[in-house]
Amino acid sequence: MARPENTLTTREAGRTETETDEETEETDPLACPECGAEGVRDESHGETVCTECGVVLEDDLVDRGPEWRAFDASERDEKSRVGAPTTGMLHDKGLSSVIDWKDQDAHGAALSSKKRQEMQRLRTWDERFRAQSARDRNLKQALGEISRMASALNLPDNVQETASVIYRRALEEDLLPGRSIEAMATAALYAAARKANVPRSLDEFAPVSRVERKEYARAYRYMNEELELAIKPADPASYLPRFCSELAVDPDVRNRARELLSAAERSAILSGKNPVGLAAAAIYAAGLLCEEKLTQNEIAEVADVSTVTIRERYPELLDAGATNPAAAAD
C-alpha cells in the first residue's frame, strides 16, 4: 500500500523546522540574562562574555589560536607555521611563488603538449618577474654561487645565512663596482666560515670558485676592511676535527695534537704562521708521540699543504710541548 504524500510532507517539514532552529541557535549571539546585551567570544580565555556587564555566558570553549606565545614580532614570525619560513639564502627571502618543474597535474597525470608549452612559458615569465631590477639579478646570482660552493665544501646552513648577510651589506655599501660577483661571493662565504668557527683555507676554495685565488683573496681583504668585519685569526685547533676525521686517526692523537697547539699558544709561536700548516704539523707530531703511523704525505694531502711546511713546524710544536708540560696537560 502506498504511503500518503501528506505524511511524508509533514515529516520533512518537521525535520526542516528542527534543523533551522538548530542553525539559528548556533549563529545567533547569546543574550545576557542580566542586561540583555549580546555576548562576545574571548578566544584567548575560551569564554563568551557580555559586552556590557561582563557576565560569563559560556566557558570551556575551544581555543582556535596558536599553542605558543610570542613577545615580539621577530619571535612571532619565527614560531609561526603559516607558509614556508623566510630565508636569507634567497634573493627574495623565499616570499615569491615557485612553479614546479614537473609537467604533471594535481593528480600526477602528464600534461598535454599544449599545456607543457604554456607551463614553460609561465616559468620563464615567473623567473623574469622574480628578479626585475639589476640589484635583484645580482643578488640572485651571488646567492646561487654561495649555495653551490657551500654545498661543495660541506658548510652548514648557518654559514650560508651569514654569507648572504655579508654579501647584502657589501651590495648596500656599493662595494661591487669593479669586482666580479663570483669573487665577492667567494669572499663572503670565506668570511662567514671564519665567523662561524668552521674555517676553510683559501686554497680549499680554489677548486669550487669560478675565479682565481688571487682575485677572491683580494676581494676578501677589501670586504673585510670596508665592512669592518673584525674577523679573528683562524684557530689551528678548529681544523683538527675535520683533518683527524678524514685521516681516521685515534682520538688520543687528536687530543694530543690539541694539547701541543695549546702549549705552542702559551709559548707565542703561533702568530704569523699558517694555521692550516700548524694543524697538520700538530697531527704529525701527535702521531709520533702516540706511536700512530702517519706519513707527512698523507697529512699534507688532506690538509692541502706541502710536506716542507709540516717538517718545519712539527719540531717547534714538540719543543713547545716539552718546555710547557703544564700547558700541554691542560
C-alpha atoms as a PDB file:
ATOM      1  CA  MET A   1       0.000   0.000   0.000  1.00  0.00           C
ATOM      2  CA  ALA A   2       1.405   3.389  -0.968  1.00  0.00           C
ATOM      3  CA  ARG A   3       2.295   5.830   1.770  1.00  0.00           C
ATOM      4  CA  PRO A   4       0.218   9.034   1.838  1.00  0.00           C
ATOM      5  CA  GLU A   5       2.002  12.017   0.417  1.00  0.00           C
ATOM      6  CA  ASN A   6       0.827  14.291   3.201  1.00  0.00           C
ATOM      7  CA  THR A   7       2.578  12.123   5.868  1.00  0.00           C
ATOM      8  CA  LEU A   8       5.937  12.418   4.080  1.00  0.00           C
ATOM      9  CA  THR A   9       5.494  16.113   3.667  1.00  0.00           C
ATOM     10  CA  THR A  10       4.743  16.581   7.379  1.00  0.00           C
ATOM     11  CA  ARG A  11       7.850  14.675   8.469  1.00  0.00           C
ATOM     12  CA  GLU A  12      10.061  16.566   6.066  1.00  0.00           C
ATOM     13  CA  ALA A  13       8.592  19.827   7.243  1.00  0.00           C
ATOM     14  CA  GLY A  14       9.233  18.886  10.878  1.00  0.00           C
ATOM     15  CA  ARG A  15      12.830  17.945  10.118  1.00  0.00           C
ATOM     16  CA  THR A  16      13.355  21.228   8.249  1.00  0.00           C
ATOM     17  CA  GLU A  17      11.983  23.263  11.160  1.00  0.00           C
ATOM     18  CA  THR A  18      14.238  21.440  13.644  1.00  0.00           C
ATOM     19  CA  GLU A  19      17.361  21.953  11.525  1.00  0.00           C
ATOM     20  CA  THR A  20      16.509  25.622  11.026  1.00  0.00           C
ATOM     21  CA  ASP A  21      16.102  26.127  14.773  1.00  0.00           C
ATOM     22  CA  GLU A  22      19.478  24.496  15.495  1.00  0.00           C
ATOM     23  CA  GLU A  23      21.245  26.619  12.870  1.00  0.00           C
ATOM     24  CA  THR A  24      19.614  29.747  14.298  1.00  0.00           C
ATOM     25  CA  GLU A  25      20.774  28.870  17.795  1.00  0.00           C
ATOM     26  CA  GLU A  26      24.359  28.341  16.567  1.00  0.00           C
ATOM     27  CA  THR A  27      24.565  31.551  14.524  1.00  0.00           C
ATOM     28  CA  ASP A  28      22.655  33.947  16.800  1.00  0.00           C
ATOM     29  CA  PRO A  29      24.785  35.548  19.532  1.00  0.00           C
ATOM     30  CA  LEU A  30      23.940  34.739  23.126  1.00  0.00           C
ATOM     31  CA  ALA A  31      21.929  37.293  25.053  1.00  0.00           C
ATOM     32  CA  CYS A  32      22.946  38.198  28.603  1.00  0.00           C
ATOM     33  CA  PRO A  33      20.269  37.136  31.154  1.00  0.00           C
ATOM     34  CA  GLU A  34      21.171  40.113  33.365  1.00  0.00           C
ATOM     35  CA  CYS A  35      21.089  43.070  30.996  1.00  0.00           C
ATOM     36  CA  GLY A  36      20.043  41.559  27.662  1.00  0.00           C
ATOM     37  CA  ALA A  37      23.175  42.700  25.805  1.00  0.00           C
ATOM     38  CA  GLU A  38      24.910  40.471  23.290  1.00  0.00           C
ATOM     39  CA  GLY A  39      27.892  38.330  24.238  1.00  0.00           C
ATOM     40  CA  VAL A  40      31.290  38.349  22.557  1.00  0.00           C
ATOM     41  CA  ARG A  41      33.729  35.446  22.262  1.00  0.00           C
ATOM     42  CA  ASP A  42      37.106  35.744  24.019  1.00  0.00           C
ATOM     43  CA  GLU A  43      39.247  33.203  22.154  1.00  0.00           C
ATOM     44  CA  SER A  44      42.292  33.682  24.382  1.00  0.00           C
ATOM     45  CA  HIS A  45      40.358  32.614  27.519  1.00  0.00           C
ATOM     46  CA  GLY A  46      37.839  30.269  25.832  1.00  0.00           C
ATOM     47  CA  GLU A  47      34.816  32.212  27.092  1.00  0.00           C
ATOM     48  CA  THR A  48      31.793  34.131  25.855  1.00  0.00           C
ATOM     49  CA  VAL A  49      31.420  37.363  27.867  1.00  0.00           C
ATOM     50  CA  CYS A  50      28.693  40.002  27.991  1.00  0.00           C
ATOM     51  CA  THR A  51      29.845  43.244  26.388  1.00  0.00           C
ATOM     52  CA  GLU A  52      28.011  45.407  28.945  1.00  0.00           C
ATOM     53  CA  CYS A  53      28.229  43.843  32.410  1.00  0.00           C
ATOM     54  CA  GLY A  54      30.972  41.233  31.867  1.00  0.00           C
ATOM     55  CA  VAL A  55      28.922  38.186  32.865  1.00  0.00           C
ATOM     56  CA  VAL A  56      30.484  34.936  31.562  1.00  0.00           C
ATOM     57  CA  LEU A  57      27.833  33.332  29.380  1.00  0.00           C
ATOM     58  CA  GLU A  58      29.874  30.289  28.213  1.00  0.00           C
ATOM     59  CA  ASP A  59      33.210  28.818  29.206  1.00  0.00           C
ATOM     60  CA  ASP A  60      35.494  25.913  28.247  1.00  0.00           C
ATOM     61  CA  LEU A  61      35.266  26.851  24.566  1.00  0.00           C
ATOM     62  CA  VAL A  62      37.779  25.552  22.038  1.00  0.00           C
ATOM     63  CA  ASP A  63      40.694  27.962  21.703  1.00  0.00           C
ATOM     64  CA  ARG A  64      41.432  28.209  17.992  1.00  0.00           C
ATOM     65  CA  GLY A  65      44.581  30.283  18.452  1.00  0.00           C
ATOM     66  CA  PRO A  66      48.183  29.002  18.435  1.00  0.00           C
ATOM     67  CA  GLU A  67      49.507  26.904  21.285  1.00  0.00           C
ATOM     68  CA  TRP A  68      52.641  29.073  21.594  1.00  0.00           C
ATOM     69  CA  ARG A  69      53.231  32.579  22.894  1.00  0.00           C
ATOM     70  CA  ALA A  70      55.335  35.315  21.316  1.00  0.00           C
ATOM     71  CA  PHE A  71      56.527  38.562  22.903  1.00  0.00           C
ATOM     72  CA  ASP A  72      57.786  40.427  19.821  1.00  0.00           C
ATOM     73  CA  ALA A  73      57.376  40.436  16.046  1.00  0.00           C
ATOM     74  CA  SER A  74      60.551  38.502  15.292  1.00  0.00           C
ATOM     75  CA  GLU A  75      59.635  35.725  17.728  1.00  0.00           C
ATOM     76  CA  ARG A  76      56.121  35.591  16.268  1.00  0.00           C
ATOM     77  CA  ASP A  77      57.497  35.229  12.730  1.00  0.00           C
ATOM     78  CA  GLU A  78      59.921  32.545  13.877  1.00  0.00           C
ATOM     79  CA  LYS A  79      57.265  30.426  15.599  1.00  0.00           C
ATOM     80  CA  SER A  80      54.526  30.855  13.038  1.00  0.00           C
ATOM     81  CA  ARG A  81      53.916  27.809  10.858  1.00  0.00           C
ATOM     82  CA  VAL A  82      51.853  29.528   8.157  1.00  0.00           C
ATOM     83  CA  GLY A  83      53.697  29.050   4.890  1.00  0.00           C
ATOM     84  CA  ALA A  84      57.367  28.398   4.305  1.00  0.00           C
ATOM     85  CA  PRO A  85      59.849  30.188   6.582  1.00  0.00           C
ATOM     86  CA  THR A  86      61.748  33.145   5.198  1.00  0.00           C
ATOM     87  CA  THR A  87      65.418  32.597   4.464  1.00  0.00           C
ATOM     88  CA  GLY A  88      68.264  34.929   3.634  1.00  0.00           C
ATOM     89  CA  MET A  89      69.713  32.377   1.218  1.00  0.00           C
ATOM     90  CA  LEU A  90      67.244  33.515  -1.484  1.00  0.00           C
ATOM     91  CA  HIS A  91      67.292  36.957  -3.033  1.00  0.00           C
ATOM     92  CA  ASP A  92      63.583  37.492  -2.287  1.00  0.00           C
ATOM     93  CA  LYS A  93      63.852  35.689   1.095  1.00  0.00           C
ATOM     94  CA  GLY A  94      61.551  32.940  -0.182  1.00  0.00           C
ATOM     95  CA  LEU A  95      58.430  35.122  -0.353  1.00  0.00           C
ATOM     96  CA  SER A  96      57.743  34.635  -4.056  1.00  0.00           C
ATOM     97  CA  SER A  97      55.959  31.748  -5.755  1.00  0.00           C
ATOM     98  CA  VAL A  98      57.738  28.860  -7.461  1.00  0.00           C
ATOM     99  CA  ILE A  99      56.321  26.868 -10.379  1.00  0.00           C
ATOM    100  CA  ASP A 100      57.300  23.222 -10.176  1.00  0.00           C
ATOM    101  CA  TRP A 101      59.457  21.846 -12.981  1.00  0.00           C
ATOM    102  CA  LYS A 102      57.372  18.659 -13.262  1.00  0.00           C
ATOM    103  CA  ASP A 103      54.909  18.633 -16.155  1.00  0.00           C
ATOM    104  CA  GLN A 104      52.147  16.955 -14.139  1.00  0.00           C
ATOM    105  CA  ASP A 105      48.739  17.979 -12.902  1.00  0.00           C
ATOM    106  CA  ALA A 106      47.388  17.709  -9.350  1.00  0.00           C
ATOM    107  CA  HIS A 107      46.616  14.012  -9.823  1.00  0.00           C
ATOM    108  CA  GLY A 108      50.069  13.155 -11.150  1.00  0.00           C
ATOM    109  CA  ALA A 109      48.969  12.727 -14.758  1.00  0.00           C
ATOM    110  CA  ALA A 110      51.192  14.016 -17.538  1.00  0.00           C
ATOM    111  CA  LEU A 111      50.225  17.296 -19.177  1.00  0.00           C
ATOM    112  CA  SER A 112      49.370  17.564 -22.837  1.00  0.00           C
ATOM    113  CA  SER A 113      51.824  19.089 -25.292  1.00  0.00           C
ATOM    114  CA  LYS A 114      49.934  22.373 -25.374  1.00  0.00           C
ATOM    115  CA  LYS A 115      49.793  22.598 -21.572  1.00  0.00           C
ATOM    116  CA  ARG A 116      53.513  21.852 -21.303  1.00  0.00           C
ATOM    117  CA  GLN A 117      54.281  24.760 -23.620  1.00  0.00           C
ATOM    118  CA  GLU A 118      52.042  27.037 -21.541  1.00  0.00           C
ATOM    119  CA  MET A 119      53.697  25.995 -18.271  1.00  0.00           C
ATOM    120  CA  GLN A 120      57.172  26.516 -19.729  1.00  0.00           C
ATOM    121  CA  ARG A 121      56.173  29.999 -20.793  1.00  0.00           C
ATOM    122  CA  LEU A 122      54.781  30.688 -17.320  1.00  0.00           C
ATOM    123  CA  ARG A 123      58.046  29.530 -15.733  1.00  0.00           C
ATOM    124  CA  THR A 124      60.001  31.893 -17.969  1.00  0.00           C
ATOM    125  CA  TRP A 125      57.872  34.870 -17.030  1.00  0.00           C
ATOM    126  CA  ASP A 126      57.903  33.865 -13.367  1.00  0.00           C
ATOM    127  CA  GLU A 127      61.721  33.910 -13.370  1.00  0.00           C
ATOM    128  CA  ARG A 128      61.707  37.319 -15.018  1.00  0.00           C
ATOM    129  CA  PHE A 129      59.298  38.810 -12.507  1.00  0.00           C
ATOM    130  CA  ARG A 130      61.162  37.362  -9.518  1.00  0.00           C
ATOM    131  CA  ALA A 131      64.275  39.394 -10.381  1.00  0.00           C
ATOM    132  CA  GLN A 132      63.296  42.545 -12.249  1.00  0.00           C
ATOM    133  CA  SER A 133      65.920  45.023 -11.068  1.00  0.00           C
ATOM    134  CA  ALA A 134      69.670  44.787 -11.612  1.00  0.00           C
ATOM    135  CA  ARG A 135      70.192  44.519  -7.868  1.00  0.00           C
ATOM    136  CA  ASP A 136      67.881  41.510  -7.601  1.00  0.00           C
ATOM    137  CA  ARG A 137      69.605  39.787 -10.512  1.00  0.00           C
ATOM    138  CA  ASN A 138      72.996  40.446  -8.938  1.00  0.00           C
ATOM    139  CA  LEU A 139      71.842  39.102  -5.586  1.00  0.00           C
ATOM    140  CA  LYS A 140      70.202  36.066  -7.167  1.00  0.00           C
ATOM    141  CA  GLN A 141      73.393  35.105  -8.998  1.00  0.00           C
ATOM    142  CA  ALA A 142      75.613  35.683  -5.955  1.00  0.00           C
ATOM    143  CA  LEU A 143      73.434  33.695  -3.556  1.00  0.00           C
ATOM    144  CA  GLY A 144      73.303  30.861  -6.079  1.00  0.00           C
ATOM    145  CA  GLU A 145      77.103  30.826  -6.147  1.00  0.00           C
ATOM    146  CA  ILE A 146      77.264  30.853  -2.345  1.00  0.00           C
ATOM    147  CA  SER A 147      74.841  27.922  -2.108  1.00  0.00           C
ATOM    148  CA  ARG A 148      76.775  25.941  -4.715  1.00  0.00           C
ATOM    149  CA  MET A 149      80.174  26.466  -3.067  1.00  0.00           C
ATOM    150  CA  ALA A 150      78.831  25.826   0.432  1.00  0.00           C
ATOM    151  CA  SER A 151      77.374  22.517  -0.732  1.00  0.00           C
ATOM    152  CA  ALA A 152      80.677  21.517  -2.348  1.00  0.00           C
ATOM    153  CA  LEU A 153      82.608  22.395   0.835  1.00  0.00           C
ATOM    154  CA  ASN A 154      80.065  20.775   3.217  1.00  0.00           C
ATOM    155  CA  LEU A 155      79.379  24.035   5.047  1.00  0.00           C
ATOM    156  CA  PRO A 156      76.241  24.201   7.245  1.00  0.00           C
ATOM    157  CA  ASP A 157      73.196  26.387   6.595  1.00  0.00           C
ATOM    158  CA  ASN A 158      74.128  28.959   9.243  1.00  0.00           C
ATOM    159  CA  VAL A 159      77.325  29.715   7.298  1.00  0.00           C
ATOM    160  CA  GLN A 160      75.273  30.281   4.136  1.00  0.00           C
ATOM    161  CA  GLU A 161      72.929  32.586   6.037  1.00  0.00           C
ATOM    162  CA  THR A 162      75.866  34.605   7.395  1.00  0.00           C
ATOM    163  CA  ALA A 163      77.456  34.777   3.946  1.00  0.00           C
ATOM    164  CA  SER A 164      74.207  36.100   2.452  1.00  0.00           C
ATOM    165  CA  VAL A 165      74.051  38.822   5.122  1.00  0.00           C
ATOM    166  CA  ILE A 166      77.671  39.827   4.440  1.00  0.00           C
ATOM    167  CA  TYR A 167      77.070  39.967   0.688  1.00  0.00           C
ATOM    168  CA  ARG A 168      73.878  42.026   1.139  1.00  0.00           C
ATOM    169  CA  ARG A 169      75.876  44.501   3.238  1.00  0.00           C
ATOM    170  CA  ALA A 170      78.530  44.736   0.535  1.00  0.00           C
ATOM    171  CA  LEU A 171      75.812  45.363  -2.046  1.00  0.00           C
ATOM    172  CA  GLU A 172      74.202  48.077   0.075  1.00  0.00           C
ATOM    173  CA  GLU A 173      77.594  49.746   0.676  1.00  0.00           C
ATOM    174  CA  ASP A 174      78.190  49.790  -3.101  1.00  0.00           C
ATOM    175  CA  LEU A 175      81.354  47.671  -2.930  1.00  0.00           C
ATOM    176  CA  LEU A 176      80.569  45.646  -6.063  1.00  0.00           C
ATOM    177  CA  PRO A 177      81.563  48.034  -8.892  1.00  0.00           C
ATOM    178  CA  GLY A 178      84.901  46.976 -10.395  1.00  0.00           C
ATOM    179  CA  ARG A 179      84.789  43.478  -8.898  1.00  0.00           C
ATOM    180  CA  SER A 180      83.235  40.273 -10.127  1.00  0.00           C
ATOM    181  CA  ILE A 181      80.167  38.786  -8.458  1.00  0.00           C
ATOM    182  CA  GLU A 182      81.888  35.390  -8.124  1.00  0.00           C
ATOM    183  CA  ALA A 183      84.896  36.883  -6.313  1.00  0.00           C
ATOM    184  CA  MET A 184      82.759  38.811  -3.813  1.00  0.00           C
ATOM    185  CA  ALA A 185      80.514  35.792  -3.241  1.00  0.00           C
ATOM    186  CA  THR A 186      83.551  33.596  -2.542  1.00  0.00           C
ATOM    187  CA  ALA A 187      84.959  36.222  -0.190  1.00  0.00           C
ATOM    188  CA  ALA A 188      81.637  36.472   1.685  1.00  0.00           C
ATOM    189  CA  LEU A 189      81.472  32.700   2.138  1.00  0.00           C
ATOM    190  CA  TYR A 190      85.084  32.549   3.326  1.00  0.00           C
ATOM    191  CA  ALA A 191      84.423  35.312   5.871  1.00  0.00           C
ATOM    192  CA  ALA A 192      81.226  33.595   7.059  1.00  0.00           C
ATOM    193  CA  ALA A 193      83.057  30.304   7.588  1.00  0.00           C
ATOM    194  CA  ARG A 194      85.690  32.107   9.659  1.00  0.00           C
ATOM    195  CA  LYS A 195      83.000  33.802  11.746  1.00  0.00           C
ATOM    196  CA  ALA A 196      81.155  30.506  12.378  1.00  0.00           C
ATOM    197  CA  ASN A 197      84.356  28.761  13.579  1.00  0.00           C
ATOM    198  CA  VAL A 198      84.219  26.226  10.735  1.00  0.00           C
ATOM    199  CA  PRO A 199      87.065  27.732   8.722  1.00  0.00           C
ATOM    200  CA  ARG A 200      88.237  26.649   5.320  1.00  0.00           C
ATOM    201  CA  SER A 201      91.563  27.740   3.895  1.00  0.00           C
ATOM    202  CA  LEU A 202      91.749  29.986   0.845  1.00  0.00           C
ATOM    203  CA  ASP A 203      93.287  27.121  -1.092  1.00  0.00           C
ATOM    204  CA  GLU A 204      90.230  24.939  -0.418  1.00  0.00           C
ATOM    205  CA  PHE A 205      88.051  27.474  -2.247  1.00  0.00           C
ATOM    206  CA  ALA A 206      90.166  27.275  -5.406  1.00  0.00           C
ATOM    207  CA  PRO A 207      88.565  24.068  -6.803  1.00  0.00           C
ATOM    208  CA  VAL A 208      84.986  25.300  -6.255  1.00  0.00           C
ATOM    209  CA  SER A 209      85.292  29.005  -7.056  1.00  0.00           C
ATOM    210  CA  ARG A 210      84.864  30.265 -10.610  1.00  0.00           C
ATOM    211  CA  VAL A 211      87.643  32.849 -10.197  1.00  0.00           C
ATOM    212  CA  GLU A 212      91.328  32.576  -9.359  1.00  0.00           C
ATOM    213  CA  ARG A 213      92.649  32.543  -5.807  1.00  0.00           C
ATOM    214  CA  LYS A 214      94.336  35.914  -6.173  1.00  0.00           C
ATOM    215  CA  GLU A 215      91.069  37.579  -7.178  1.00  0.00           C
ATOM    216  CA  TYR A 216      88.866  36.321  -4.318  1.00  0.00           C
ATOM    217  CA  ALA A 217      91.673  36.780  -1.777  1.00  0.00           C
ATOM    218  CA  ARG A 218      91.928  40.432  -2.838  1.00  0.00           C
ATOM    219  CA  ALA A 219      88.134  40.745  -2.642  1.00  0.00           C
ATOM    220  CA  TYR A 220      88.137  39.302   0.890  1.00  0.00           C
ATOM    221  CA  ARG A 221      90.745  41.787   2.111  1.00  0.00           C
ATOM    222  CA  TYR A 222      88.786  44.666   0.593  1.00  0.00           C
ATOM    223  CA  MET A 223      85.464  43.469   2.036  1.00  0.00           C
ATOM    224  CA  ASN A 224      86.960  42.863   5.474  1.00  0.00           C
ATOM    225  CA  GLU A 225      88.411  46.352   5.567  1.00  0.00           C
ATOM    226  CA  GLU A 226      85.387  48.243   4.217  1.00  0.00           C
ATOM    227  CA  LEU A 227      82.737  46.401   6.242  1.00  0.00           C
ATOM    228  CA  GLU A 228      84.899  46.173   9.382  1.00  0.00           C
ATOM    229  CA  LEU A 229      84.054  42.525   9.908  1.00  0.00           C
ATOM    230  CA  ALA A 230      86.667  42.195  12.677  1.00  0.00           C
ATOM    231  CA  ILE A 231      87.356  38.541  11.964  1.00  0.00           C
ATOM    232  CA  LYS A 232      89.840  36.972  14.345  1.00  0.00           C
ATOM    233  CA  PRO A 233      92.739  34.883  13.035  1.00  0.00           C
ATOM    234  CA  ALA A 234      91.746  31.285  12.483  1.00  0.00           C
ATOM    235  CA  ASP A 235      92.447  28.931  15.378  1.00  0.00           C
ATOM    236  CA  PRO A 236      94.603  25.988  14.239  1.00  0.00           C
ATOM    237  CA  ALA A 237      92.704  23.719  16.644  1.00  0.00           C
ATOM    238  CA  SER A 238      89.462  24.320  14.710  1.00  0.00           C
ATOM    239  CA  TYR A 239      90.924  22.358  11.772  1.00  0.00           C
ATOM    240  CA  LEU A 240      91.767  19.297  13.863  1.00  0.00           C
ATOM    241  CA  PRO A 241      88.341  17.552  13.926  1.00  0.00           C
ATOM    242  CA  ARG A 242      87.970  17.635  10.150  1.00  0.00           C
ATOM    243  CA  PHE A 243      91.549  16.582   9.390  1.00  0.00           C
ATOM    244  CA  CYS A 244      91.544  13.806  12.002  1.00  0.00           C
ATOM    245  CA  SER A 245      88.195  12.536  10.731  1.00  0.00           C
ATOM    246  CA  GLU A 246      89.473  12.308   7.161  1.00  0.00           C
ATOM    247  CA  LEU A 247      92.663  10.582   8.361  1.00  0.00           C
ATOM    248  CA  ALA A 248      90.674   8.203  10.625  1.00  0.00           C
ATOM    249  CA  VAL A 249      93.177   8.591  13.470  1.00  0.00           C
ATOM    250  CA  ASP A 250      92.706   7.566  17.086  1.00  0.00           C
ATOM    251  CA  PRO A 251      91.013  10.125  19.387  1.00  0.00           C
ATOM    252  CA  ASP A 252      94.175  10.166  21.528  1.00  0.00           C
ATOM    253  CA  VAL A 253      96.081  11.623  18.581  1.00  0.00           C
ATOM    254  CA  ARG A 254      93.543  14.426  18.192  1.00  0.00           C
ATOM    255  CA  ASN A 255      93.630  15.228  21.905  1.00  0.00           C
ATOM    256  CA  ARG A 256      97.430  15.210  21.946  1.00  0.00           C
ATOM    257  CA  ALA A 257      97.542  17.482  18.903  1.00  0.00           C
ATOM    258  CA  ARG A 258      95.218  19.902  20.660  1.00  0.00           C
ATOM    259  CA  GLU A 259      97.498  19.872  23.706  1.00  0.00           C
ATOM    260  CA  LEU A 260     100.518  20.638  21.534  1.00  0.00           C
ATOM    261  CA  LEU A 261      98.752  23.589  19.936  1.00  0.00           C
ATOM    262  CA  SER A 262      97.707  24.866  23.364  1.00  0.00           C
ATOM    263  CA  ALA A 263     101.313  24.669  24.570  1.00  0.00           C
ATOM    264  CA  ALA A 264     102.503  26.433  21.418  1.00  0.00           C
ATOM    265  CA  GLU A 265      99.983  29.208  22.018  1.00  0.00           C
ATOM    266  CA  ARG A 266     101.371  29.690  25.525  1.00  0.00           C
ATOM    267  CA  SER A 267     104.856  29.932  24.026  1.00  0.00           C
ATOM    268  CA  ALA A 268     103.662  32.541  21.477  1.00  0.00           C
ATOM    269  CA  ILE A 269     104.957  30.673  18.435  1.00  0.00           C
ATOM    270  CA  LEU A 270     101.626  30.562  16.550  1.00  0.00           C
ATOM    271  CA  SER A 271     101.452  34.181  15.395  1.00  0.00           C
ATOM    272  CA  GLY A 272     102.454  34.820  11.829  1.00  0.00           C
ATOM    273  CA  LYS A 273     102.186  31.178  10.779  1.00  0.00           C
ATOM    274  CA  ASN A 274      99.641  29.444   8.588  1.00  0.00           C
ATOM    275  CA  PRO A 275      97.018  27.862  10.911  1.00  0.00           C
ATOM    276  CA  VAL A 276      96.376  25.027   8.446  1.00  0.00           C
ATOM    277  CA  GLY A 277     100.063  24.129   8.395  1.00  0.00           C
ATOM    278  CA  LEU A 278     100.210  24.264  12.192  1.00  0.00           C
ATOM    279  CA  ALA A 279      97.214  21.928  12.480  1.00  0.00           C
ATOM    280  CA  ALA A 280      98.812  19.456  10.046  1.00  0.00           C
ATOM    281  CA  ALA A 281     102.130  19.592  11.895  1.00  0.00           C
ATOM    282  CA  ALA A 282     100.387  19.090  15.248  1.00  0.00           C
ATOM    283  CA  ILE A 283      98.688  15.926  13.928  1.00  0.00           C
ATOM    284  CA  TYR A 284     102.012  14.573  12.677  1.00  0.00           C
ATOM    285  CA  ALA A 285     103.783  15.383  15.969  1.00  0.00           C
ATOM    286  CA  ALA A 286     100.948  13.844  17.982  1.00  0.00           C
ATOM    287  CA  GLY A 287     101.162  10.730  15.825  1.00  0.00           C
ATOM    288  CA  LEU A 288     104.853  10.403  16.689  1.00  0.00           C
ATOM    289  CA  LEU A 289     104.135  10.783  20.406  1.00  0.00           C
ATOM    290  CA  CYS A 290     101.240   8.312  20.310  1.00  0.00           C
ATOM    291  CA  GLU A 291     103.133   5.890  18.049  1.00  0.00           C
ATOM    292  CA  GLU A 292     100.498   6.268  15.323  1.00  0.00           C
ATOM    293  CA  LYS A 293     101.869   5.586  11.847  1.00  0.00           C
ATOM    294  CA  LEU A 294     101.071   8.748   9.900  1.00  0.00           C
ATOM    295  CA  THR A 295     103.142   9.889   6.959  1.00  0.00           C
ATOM    296  CA  GLN A 296     103.752  13.521   6.099  1.00  0.00           C
ATOM    297  CA  ASN A 297     102.468  12.945   2.571  1.00  0.00           C
ATOM    298  CA  GLU A 298      99.006  11.720   3.600  1.00  0.00           C
ATOM    299  CA  ILE A 299      98.602  14.520   6.149  1.00  0.00           C
ATOM    300  CA  ALA A 300      99.755  17.107   3.601  1.00  0.00           C
ATOM    301  CA  GLU A 301      97.252  15.784   1.065  1.00  0.00           C
ATOM    302  CA  VAL A 302      94.339  16.038   3.491  1.00  0.00           C
ATOM    303  CA  ALA A 303      95.341  19.481   4.803  1.00  0.00           C
ATOM    304  CA  ASP A 304      96.312  20.772   1.332  1.00  0.00           C
ATOM    305  CA  VAL A 305      99.756  21.965   2.489  1.00  0.00           C
ATOM    306  CA  SER A 306     103.260  20.981   1.489  1.00  0.00           C
ATOM    307  CA  THR A 307     105.333  18.395   3.332  1.00  0.00           C
ATOM    308  CA  VAL A 308     108.007  21.087   3.783  1.00  0.00           C
ATOM    309  CA  THR A 309     105.593  23.062   5.963  1.00  0.00           C
ATOM    310  CA  ILE A 310     104.974  20.035   8.171  1.00  0.00           C
ATOM    311  CA  ARG A 311     108.709  19.284   8.502  1.00  0.00           C
ATOM    312  CA  GLU A 312     109.425  22.885   9.525  1.00  0.00           C
ATOM    313  CA  ARG A 313     106.588  23.223  12.041  1.00  0.00           C
ATOM    314  CA  TYR A 314     106.368  19.951  13.937  1.00  0.00           C
ATOM    315  CA  PRO A 315     109.778  20.275  15.752  1.00  0.00           C
ATOM    316  CA  GLU A 316     108.641  23.657  17.097  1.00  0.00           C
ATOM    317  CA  LEU A 317     105.455  22.105  18.447  1.00  0.00           C
ATOM    318  CA  LEU A 318     107.351  19.243  20.073  1.00  0.00           C
ATOM    319  CA  ASP A 319     109.725  21.707  21.727  1.00  0.00           C
ATOM    320  CA  ALA A 320     106.788  23.818  22.965  1.00  0.00           C
ATOM    321  CA  GLY A 321     105.125  20.725  24.436  1.00  0.00           C
ATOM    322  CA  ALA A 322     108.364  19.702  26.153  1.00  0.00           C
ATOM    323  CA  THR A 323     109.082  23.151  27.610  1.00  0.00           C
ATOM    324  CA  ASN A 324     105.453  23.738  28.687  1.00  0.00           C
ATOM    325  CA  PRO A 325     104.243  20.459  30.155  1.00  0.00           C
ATOM    326  CA  ALA A 326     101.597  22.240  32.253  1.00  0.00           C
ATOM    327  CA  ALA A 327     100.108  23.872  29.163  1.00  0.00           C
ATOM    328  CA  ALA A 328     100.101  20.596  27.295  1.00  0.00           C
ATOM    329  CA  ALA A 329      98.384  18.895  30.216  1.00  0.00           C
ATOM    330  CA  ASP A 330      95.568  21.469  30.110  1.00  0.00           C
END
